[in-house]
Amino acid sequence: MSDGPAKPEPEHQPELVKKLLAYKERHLEHGRIYRGAFVLAGVIVTLMGLAMLLLPGPAFLVIPIGLAILALEFAWAESLLEKALVQGEKAKQKAAETSTRQRILTGIATALAVAAAIAAAWVWDIPLLPV
């Protein structure tokens, strides 16, 4: 029986996680107030990132930053951060592997959406610039 999902080998870990683990040892030498401030900052940044999932903002950049701060103190945050970084890397590879046909179709769909927005603004007399 295993104690849960197997952790990736250190050489397969994302570079950010490797750097974080190196910094974690020094971080744990600080006092309680300093570490408590880090936890509070990590919670705030992570909550701001989660809010950005619904509000405008770079949620997929802010959430990993908050998790990285929390990972200095909590193993669960380190695990979540590692999973998020691995999934982000997979998404990046998948985006790079798109075919020319997919890129052309995406461009056509974008052009049609822009044309539809312009047509709607013209038909419904919506000003394009605030007056």
Protein backbone atom coordinates (compact mmCIF):
# COMPACT_ATOMS: atom_id res chain seq x y z
CA MET A 1 0.00 0.00 0.00
CA SER A 2 1.19 3.49 -0.75
CA ASP A 3 0.69 6.65 1.29
CA GLY A 4 -0.84 8.50 -1.65
CA PRO A 5 0.16 9.54 -5.14
CA ALA A 6 3.82 9.12 -5.88
CA LYS A 7 5.82 12.34 -5.95
CA PRO A 8 7.73 13.00 -9.17
CA GLU A 9 11.44 12.35 -9.08
CA PRO A 10 13.43 15.51 -8.23
CA GLU A 11 14.84 15.71 -11.77
CA HIS A 12 11.25 15.67 -13.14
CA GLN A 13 10.04 18.45 -10.85
CA PRO A 14 9.37 21.87 -12.34
CA GLU A 15 12.29 24.26 -11.93
CA LEU A 16 10.26 26.59 -9.67
CA VAL A 17 9.59 23.73 -7.23
CA LYS A 18 13.30 22.90 -7.07
CA LYS A 19 14.15 26.53 -6.27
CA LEU A 20 11.33 26.69 -3.73
CA LEU A 21 12.60 23.60 -1.90
CA ALA A 22 16.08 25.13 -1.70
CA TYR A 23 14.65 28.35 -0.24
CA LYS A 24 12.28 26.52 2.14
CA GLU A 25 15.10 25.36 4.44
CA ARG A 26 16.31 28.95 4.96
CA HIS A 27 12.73 30.18 5.37
CA LEU A 28 12.01 27.73 8.20
CA GLU A 29 14.88 29.25 10.21
CA HIS A 30 13.00 32.56 10.58
CA GLY A 31 10.86 33.47 13.58
CA ARG A 32 7.14 32.91 14.06
CA ILE A 33 6.07 36.47 13.26
CA TYR A 34 8.01 36.50 9.99
CA ARG A 35 6.61 33.12 8.98
CA GLY A 36 3.10 34.12 10.07
CA ALA A 37 3.33 37.21 7.86
CA PHE A 38 4.33 34.94 4.96
CA VAL A 39 1.31 32.71 5.55
CA LEU A 40 -0.99 35.74 5.69
CA ALA A 41 0.53 37.14 2.49
CA GLY A 42 0.17 33.76 0.77
CA VAL A 43 -3.48 33.47 1.77
CA ILE A 44 -4.24 37.00 0.56
CA VAL A 45 -2.46 36.54 -2.77
CA THR A 46 -4.12 33.15 -3.35
CA LEU A 47 -7.58 34.55 -2.52
CA MET A 48 -6.96 37.48 -4.87
CA GLY A 49 -6.05 35.00 -7.60
CA LEU A 50 -9.19 32.97 -6.96
CA ALA A 51 -11.27 36.15 -7.15
CA MET A 52 -9.63 36.87 -10.51
CA LEU A 53 -11.19 33.69 -11.87
CA LEU A 54 -14.46 35.65 -11.83
CA LEU A 55 -13.10 39.19 -12.06
CA PRO A 56 -10.68 40.63 -14.61
CA GLY A 57 -7.08 39.82 -13.85
CA PRO A 58 -4.26 37.34 -14.38
CA ALA A 59 -5.63 34.56 -12.13
CA PHE A 60 -3.43 31.85 -13.65
CA LEU A 61 -0.36 33.89 -12.75
CA VAL A 62 -1.43 35.10 -9.29
CA ILE A 63 -2.70 31.77 -7.91
CA PRO A 64 0.65 29.96 -8.39
CA ILE A 65 2.44 32.90 -6.75
CA GLY A 66 0.17 32.59 -3.71
CA LEU A 67 0.65 28.83 -3.64
CA ALA A 68 4.43 29.29 -3.87
CA ILE A 69 4.33 31.56 -0.81
CA LEU A 70 2.15 29.07 1.08
CA ALA A 71 4.35 26.15 -0.04
CA LEU A 72 7.12 27.51 2.17
CA GLU A 73 5.00 26.47 5.16
CA PHE A 74 2.54 23.82 4.00
CA ALA A 75 3.08 20.54 2.14
CA TRP A 76 -0.45 20.64 0.67
CA ALA A 77 0.30 23.97 -1.01
CA GLU A 78 3.55 22.59 -2.38
CA SER A 79 1.67 19.62 -3.82
CA LEU A 80 -1.00 21.85 -5.40
CA LEU A 81 1.65 24.15 -6.85
CA GLU A 82 3.53 21.22 -8.36
CA LYS A 83 0.35 19.82 -9.92
CA ALA A 84 -0.58 23.25 -11.30
CA LEU A 85 2.86 23.74 -12.83
CA VAL A 86 2.83 20.28 -14.42
CA GLN A 87 -0.64 20.92 -15.90
CA GLY A 88 0.51 24.34 -17.13
CA GLU A 89 3.47 22.73 -18.87
CA LYS A 90 1.17 20.16 -20.50
CA ALA A 91 -1.13 22.95 -21.72
CA LYS A 92 1.86 24.85 -23.11
CA GLN A 93 3.01 21.77 -25.03
CA LYS A 94 -0.50 21.12 -26.34
CA ALA A 95 -0.79 24.73 -27.54
CA ALA A 96 2.56 24.45 -29.30
CA GLU A 97 1.41 21.29 -31.09
CA THR A 98 -1.60 22.91 -32.78
CA SER A 99 -1.86 22.32 -36.49
CA THR A 100 -1.88 25.00 -39.16
CA ARG A 101 -5.54 24.16 -39.81
CA GLN A 102 -6.42 24.82 -36.15
CA ARG A 103 -4.61 28.15 -36.21
CA ILE A 104 -6.36 29.22 -39.41
CA LEU A 105 -9.77 28.24 -38.03
CA THR A 106 -9.05 30.13 -34.80
CA GLY A 107 -8.08 33.22 -36.82
CA ILE A 108 -11.26 32.99 -38.91
CA ALA A 109 -13.41 32.56 -35.77
CA THR A 110 -11.74 35.60 -34.18
CA ALA A 111 -12.26 37.70 -37.32
CA LEU A 112 -15.94 36.68 -37.46
CA ALA A 113 -16.42 37.57 -33.80
CA VAL A 114 -14.89 41.02 -34.35
CA ALA A 115 -17.03 41.52 -37.47
CA ALA A 116 -20.15 40.48 -35.52
CA ALA A 117 -19.34 42.96 -32.74
CA ILE A 118 -18.86 45.78 -35.25
CA ALA A 119 -22.08 44.84 -37.08
CA ALA A 120 -24.01 44.77 -33.79
CA ALA A 121 -22.62 48.16 -32.81
CA TRP A 122 -23.64 49.59 -36.20
CA VAL A 123 -27.13 48.00 -36.30
CA TRP A 124 -27.99 48.87 -32.71
CA ASP A 125 -26.29 52.29 -32.88
CA ILE A 126 -23.85 51.50 -30.07
CA PRO A 127 -21.02 54.05 -29.95
CA LEU A 128 -17.62 52.41 -30.43
CA LEU A 129 -15.92 55.05 -28.33
CA PRO A 130 -17.28 56.41 -25.04
CA VAL A 131 -18.63 59.89 -25.49
